Protein backbone atom coordinates (compact mmCIF):
# COMPACT_ATOMS: atom_id res chain seq x y z
CA UNK A 1 129.94 81.42 144.87
CA UNK A 2 132.51 79.92 147.20
CA UNK A 3 136.08 79.99 145.95
CA UNK A 4 139.63 79.64 147.20
CA UNK A 5 142.06 82.25 145.90
CA UNK A 6 145.81 81.65 146.13
CA UNK A 7 147.42 85.07 146.21
CA UNK A 8 151.16 85.72 145.90
CA UNK A 9 152.56 88.36 148.23
CA UNK A 10 155.76 90.42 147.92
CA UNK A 11 159.04 88.64 148.69
CA UNK A 12 160.46 91.89 150.05
CA UNK A 13 159.40 95.15 148.45
CA UNK A 14 155.75 95.82 149.37
CA UNK A 15 155.13 97.44 145.98
CA UNK A 16 155.47 94.03 144.30
CA UNK A 17 151.82 93.08 144.62
CA UNK A 18 149.27 93.28 141.82
CA UNK A 19 146.22 95.54 141.76
CA UNK A 20 144.07 92.44 141.28
CA UNK A 21 145.57 90.78 144.36
CA UNK A 22 144.75 93.85 146.45
CA UNK A 23 141.19 93.96 145.14
CA UNK A 24 140.53 90.30 145.91
CA UNK A 25 142.06 90.55 149.39
CA UNK A 26 139.55 93.33 150.07
CA UNK A 27 136.64 91.28 148.72
CA UNK A 28 137.10 87.84 150.30
CA UNK A 29 135.42 86.83 153.55
CA UNK A 30 138.51 85.41 155.26
CA UNK A 31 142.27 85.42 154.66
CA UNK A 32 144.30 82.33 155.55
CA UNK A 33 147.84 83.38 156.46
CA UNK A 34 151.00 81.40 157.11
CA UNK A 35 151.92 83.87 159.87
CA UNK A 36 149.20 86.33 160.86
CA UNK A 37 151.76 88.72 162.37
CA UNK A 38 153.75 88.95 159.13
CA UNK A 39 150.64 89.24 156.95
CA UNK A 40 149.12 91.89 159.22
CA UNK A 41 151.93 94.27 158.28
CA UNK A 42 151.19 93.90 154.56
CA UNK A 43 147.44 94.20 155.03
CA UNK A 44 147.79 97.22 157.30
CA UNK A 45 150.03 98.91 154.73
CA UNK A 46 147.25 98.61 152.14
CA UNK A 47 144.44 99.33 154.64
CA UNK A 48 142.86 95.89 154.28
CA UNK A 49 140.81 94.85 157.30
CA UNK A 50 139.80 91.22 157.07
CA UNK A 51 139.52 88.27 159.42
CA UNK A 52 142.84 86.43 159.54
CA UNK A 53 143.18 82.72 160.31
CA UNK A 54 146.55 81.00 160.77
CA UNK A 55 147.20 78.24 158.23
CA UNK A 56 150.74 76.86 158.32
CA UNK A 57 152.67 73.59 158.12
CA UNK A 58 152.13 72.84 161.82
CA UNK A 59 148.32 73.10 161.77
CA UNK A 60 147.24 72.61 158.14
CA UNK A 61 146.11 69.01 158.71
CA UNK A 62 144.01 70.03 161.72
CA UNK A 63 142.37 73.07 160.10
CA UNK A 64 141.69 71.48 156.72
CA UNK A 65 138.20 70.13 157.43
CA UNK A 66 137.04 73.40 158.99
CA UNK A 67 138.27 75.42 156.02
CA UNK A 68 136.58 73.09 153.52
CA UNK A 69 133.36 73.36 155.50
CA UNK A 70 133.53 77.17 155.35
CA UNK A 71 134.01 77.02 151.59
CA UNK A 72 131.10 74.60 151.21
CA UNK A 73 128.97 77.08 153.15
CA UNK A 74 129.58 79.70 150.49
CA UNK A 75 132.48 81.70 151.89
CA UNK A 76 135.30 83.02 149.70
CA UNK A 77 138.79 82.58 151.12
CA UNK A 78 142.24 83.80 150.17
CA UNK A 79 145.42 81.90 151.04
CA UNK A 80 148.64 83.86 151.40
CA UNK A 81 152.09 82.85 152.62
CA UNK A 82 154.69 85.03 154.34
CA UNK A 83 156.23 85.85 150.96
CA UNK A 84 155.84 84.62 147.41
CA UNK A 85 153.32 82.18 145.96
CA UNK A 86 151.45 79.79 148.26
CA UNK A 87 152.34 76.07 147.92
CA UNK A 88 155.84 76.81 146.53
CA UNK A 89 157.93 75.58 149.51
CA UNK A 90 155.04 76.89 151.64
CA UNK A 91 151.61 75.59 152.80
CA UNK A 92 148.93 75.27 150.15
CA UNK A 93 149.21 71.91 148.42
CA UNK A 94 147.03 70.01 150.90
CA UNK A 95 144.28 72.63 150.79
CA UNK A 96 144.27 72.81 146.99
CA UNK A 97 144.08 69.02 146.72
CA UNK A 98 141.18 68.88 149.17
CA UNK A 99 139.32 71.64 147.31
CA UNK A 100 139.67 69.66 144.08
CA UNK A 101 138.28 66.55 145.80
CA UNK A 102 135.26 68.57 146.95
CA UNK A 103 134.66 70.36 143.63
CA UNK A 104 135.46 73.74 145.15
CA UNK A 105 136.64 76.34 142.66
CA UNK A 106 140.27 77.43 142.93
CA UNK A 107 141.97 80.42 141.37
CA UNK A 108 145.71 81.09 141.64
CA UNK A 109 146.85 84.59 140.80
CA UNK A 110 150.21 85.23 139.12
CA UNK A 111 152.79 87.09 141.14
CA UNK A 112 155.99 87.07 143.12
CA UNK A 113 158.06 83.90 143.48
CA UNK A 114 161.63 84.21 144.77
CA UNK A 115 163.32 81.74 142.44
CA UNK A 116 162.27 83.48 139.21
CA UNK A 117 164.35 86.69 139.56
CA UNK A 118 167.22 84.66 141.02
CA UNK A 119 167.17 82.31 138.03
CA UNK A 120 166.93 85.06 135.44
CA UNK A 121 169.77 87.17 136.84
CA UNK A 122 172.06 84.16 137.41
CA UNK A 123 173.12 84.13 133.78
CA UNK A 124 172.51 80.38 133.56
CA UNK A 125 170.18 78.78 130.98
CA UNK A 126 166.53 79.48 131.85
CA UNK A 127 164.82 77.45 129.13
CA UNK A 128 164.99 74.24 131.19
CA UNK A 129 165.50 74.05 134.94
CA UNK A 130 164.82 71.92 138.02
CA UNK A 131 163.30 73.41 141.16
CA UNK A 132 164.52 71.49 144.23
CA UNK A 133 163.46 73.89 146.97
CA UNK A 134 165.03 72.98 150.33
CA UNK A 135 167.29 69.92 150.42
CA UNK A 136 166.50 67.33 153.13
CA UNK A 137 168.35 68.27 156.31
CA UNK A 138 169.48 64.74 157.12
CA UNK A 139 167.81 61.63 155.72
CA UNK A 140 168.04 61.46 151.95
CA UNK A 141 170.29 64.52 151.56
CA UNK A 142 173.35 62.67 150.25
CA UNK A 143 171.23 60.52 147.94
CA UNK A 144 169.64 63.64 146.49
CA UNK A 145 172.98 65.37 145.94
CA UNK A 146 174.45 62.31 144.21
CA UNK A 147 171.46 62.22 141.86
CA UNK A 148 171.62 65.96 141.13
CA UNK A 149 175.35 65.79 140.36
CA UNK A 150 174.41 64.37 136.95
CA UNK A 151 171.60 66.86 136.28
CA UNK A 152 172.29 68.83 133.09
CA UNK A 153 169.54 71.41 133.62
CA UNK A 154 169.95 74.50 135.79
CA UNK A 155 169.13 73.61 139.42
CA UNK A 156 167.33 75.87 141.91
CA UNK A 157 167.58 75.56 145.70
CA UNK A 158 166.24 77.49 148.67
CA UNK A 159 168.52 77.69 151.70
CA UNK A 160 168.74 79.35 155.11
CA UNK A 161 171.70 81.60 156.01
CA UNK A 162 173.12 79.29 158.69
CA UNK A 163 173.20 76.31 156.32
CA UNK A 164 174.52 78.03 153.18
CA UNK A 165 178.22 77.27 153.76
CA UNK A 166 177.51 73.62 154.56
CA UNK A 167 175.48 73.32 151.36
CA UNK A 168 178.15 74.98 149.22
CA UNK A 169 180.82 72.67 150.64
CA UNK A 170 178.65 69.67 149.82
CA UNK A 171 178.25 71.01 146.27
CA UNK A 172 182.05 70.98 146.07
CA UNK A 173 182.07 67.40 147.28
CA UNK A 174 179.24 65.94 145.20
CA UNK A 175 179.34 68.18 142.12
CA UNK A 176 182.76 69.78 141.60
CA UNK A 177 184.55 72.83 142.98
CA UNK A 178 184.59 74.59 139.61
CA UNK A 179 180.81 74.23 139.05
CA UNK A 180 179.31 77.70 138.53
CA UNK A 181 176.87 78.93 141.17
CA UNK A 182 174.85 82.09 141.78
CA UNK A 183 173.60 83.00 145.27
CA UNK A 184 170.83 85.59 145.56
CA UNK A 185 170.00 87.09 148.93
CA UNK A 186 167.36 89.58 150.11
CA UNK A 187 165.79 89.83 146.66
CA UNK A 188 163.83 93.06 146.00
CA UNK A 189 165.00 94.51 149.33
CA UNK A 190 167.38 97.39 150.03
CA UNK A 191 170.38 95.10 150.58
CA UNK A 192 169.77 92.72 147.67
CA UNK A 193 172.92 90.81 146.78
CA UNK A 194 173.74 88.48 143.88
CA UNK A 195 177.12 86.72 144.09
CA UNK A 196 178.29 84.58 141.17
CA UNK A 197 181.32 82.34 140.72
CA UNK A 198 182.58 78.80 141.15
CA UNK A 199 181.65 76.74 144.19
CA UNK A 200 185.09 77.24 145.73
CA UNK A 201 184.98 81.00 145.09
CA UNK A 202 181.61 81.33 146.81
CA UNK A 203 182.79 79.24 149.76
CA UNK A 204 185.74 81.61 150.20
CA UNK A 205 183.45 84.63 149.91
CA UNK A 206 180.86 83.50 152.45
CA UNK A 207 183.49 82.34 154.96
CA UNK A 208 184.27 86.04 155.50
CA UNK A 209 180.84 87.65 154.99
CA UNK A 210 177.93 87.76 157.42
CA UNK A 211 174.74 86.23 156.11
CA UNK A 212 171.16 87.34 156.74
CA UNK A 213 167.88 87.01 154.91
CA UNK A 214 166.27 84.60 152.48
CA UNK A 215 168.58 82.82 150.01
CA UNK A 216 168.13 81.28 146.56
CA UNK A 217 170.98 79.21 145.09
CA UNK A 218 171.17 78.65 141.33
CA UNK A 219 173.56 75.94 140.13
CA UNK A 220 174.67 75.55 136.54
CA UNK A 221 173.84 72.12 135.11
CA UNK A 222 176.45 69.41 134.62
CA UNK A 223 178.24 69.48 131.28
CA UNK A 224 178.22 66.39 129.09
């Protein structure tokens, strides 16, 4: 039976992958990878030798028909991203939607997603939250921030190191400088760091500290 598996991969520590994920990666016919070079390191570590095909945001529209055809021909495929769960701020949505249109079975395994540990260890309410992912770089950014300024639920963002300070300063402008924020960096890795405080305190901190690695920002919701 043809099937598409969406398999979460570790966000840092290679031990953070399930036994089931490893078994399925060994069983499928082909693995679709966001970056074959990055995924090769994980697969080599677990001695998994499978055909790898690049499937990322720059080619997913072009490769979609070919992948659907392979699935229709009875192949089983696994989709993995560089880190975390496919389709969460990564490629995957288009392929899943097309599989549904073509009555192709889909199975998404549970596993690593960067925002979950960042949210839990932020100390902010976890019962209700909004996942924003990456803010627009230019068009629509200010509109989005103005809208989110009134959001009472905990807000989750992804950000790159070179844009973190700009984003924090905009939080100070559109939210308020005393809004509580938690910044998680390099989660599950050797140099994991979680810095908590007000917007202005985090701006002061990161103006004097070098930034590297993946970043998750958790913002406390607006108070009524």
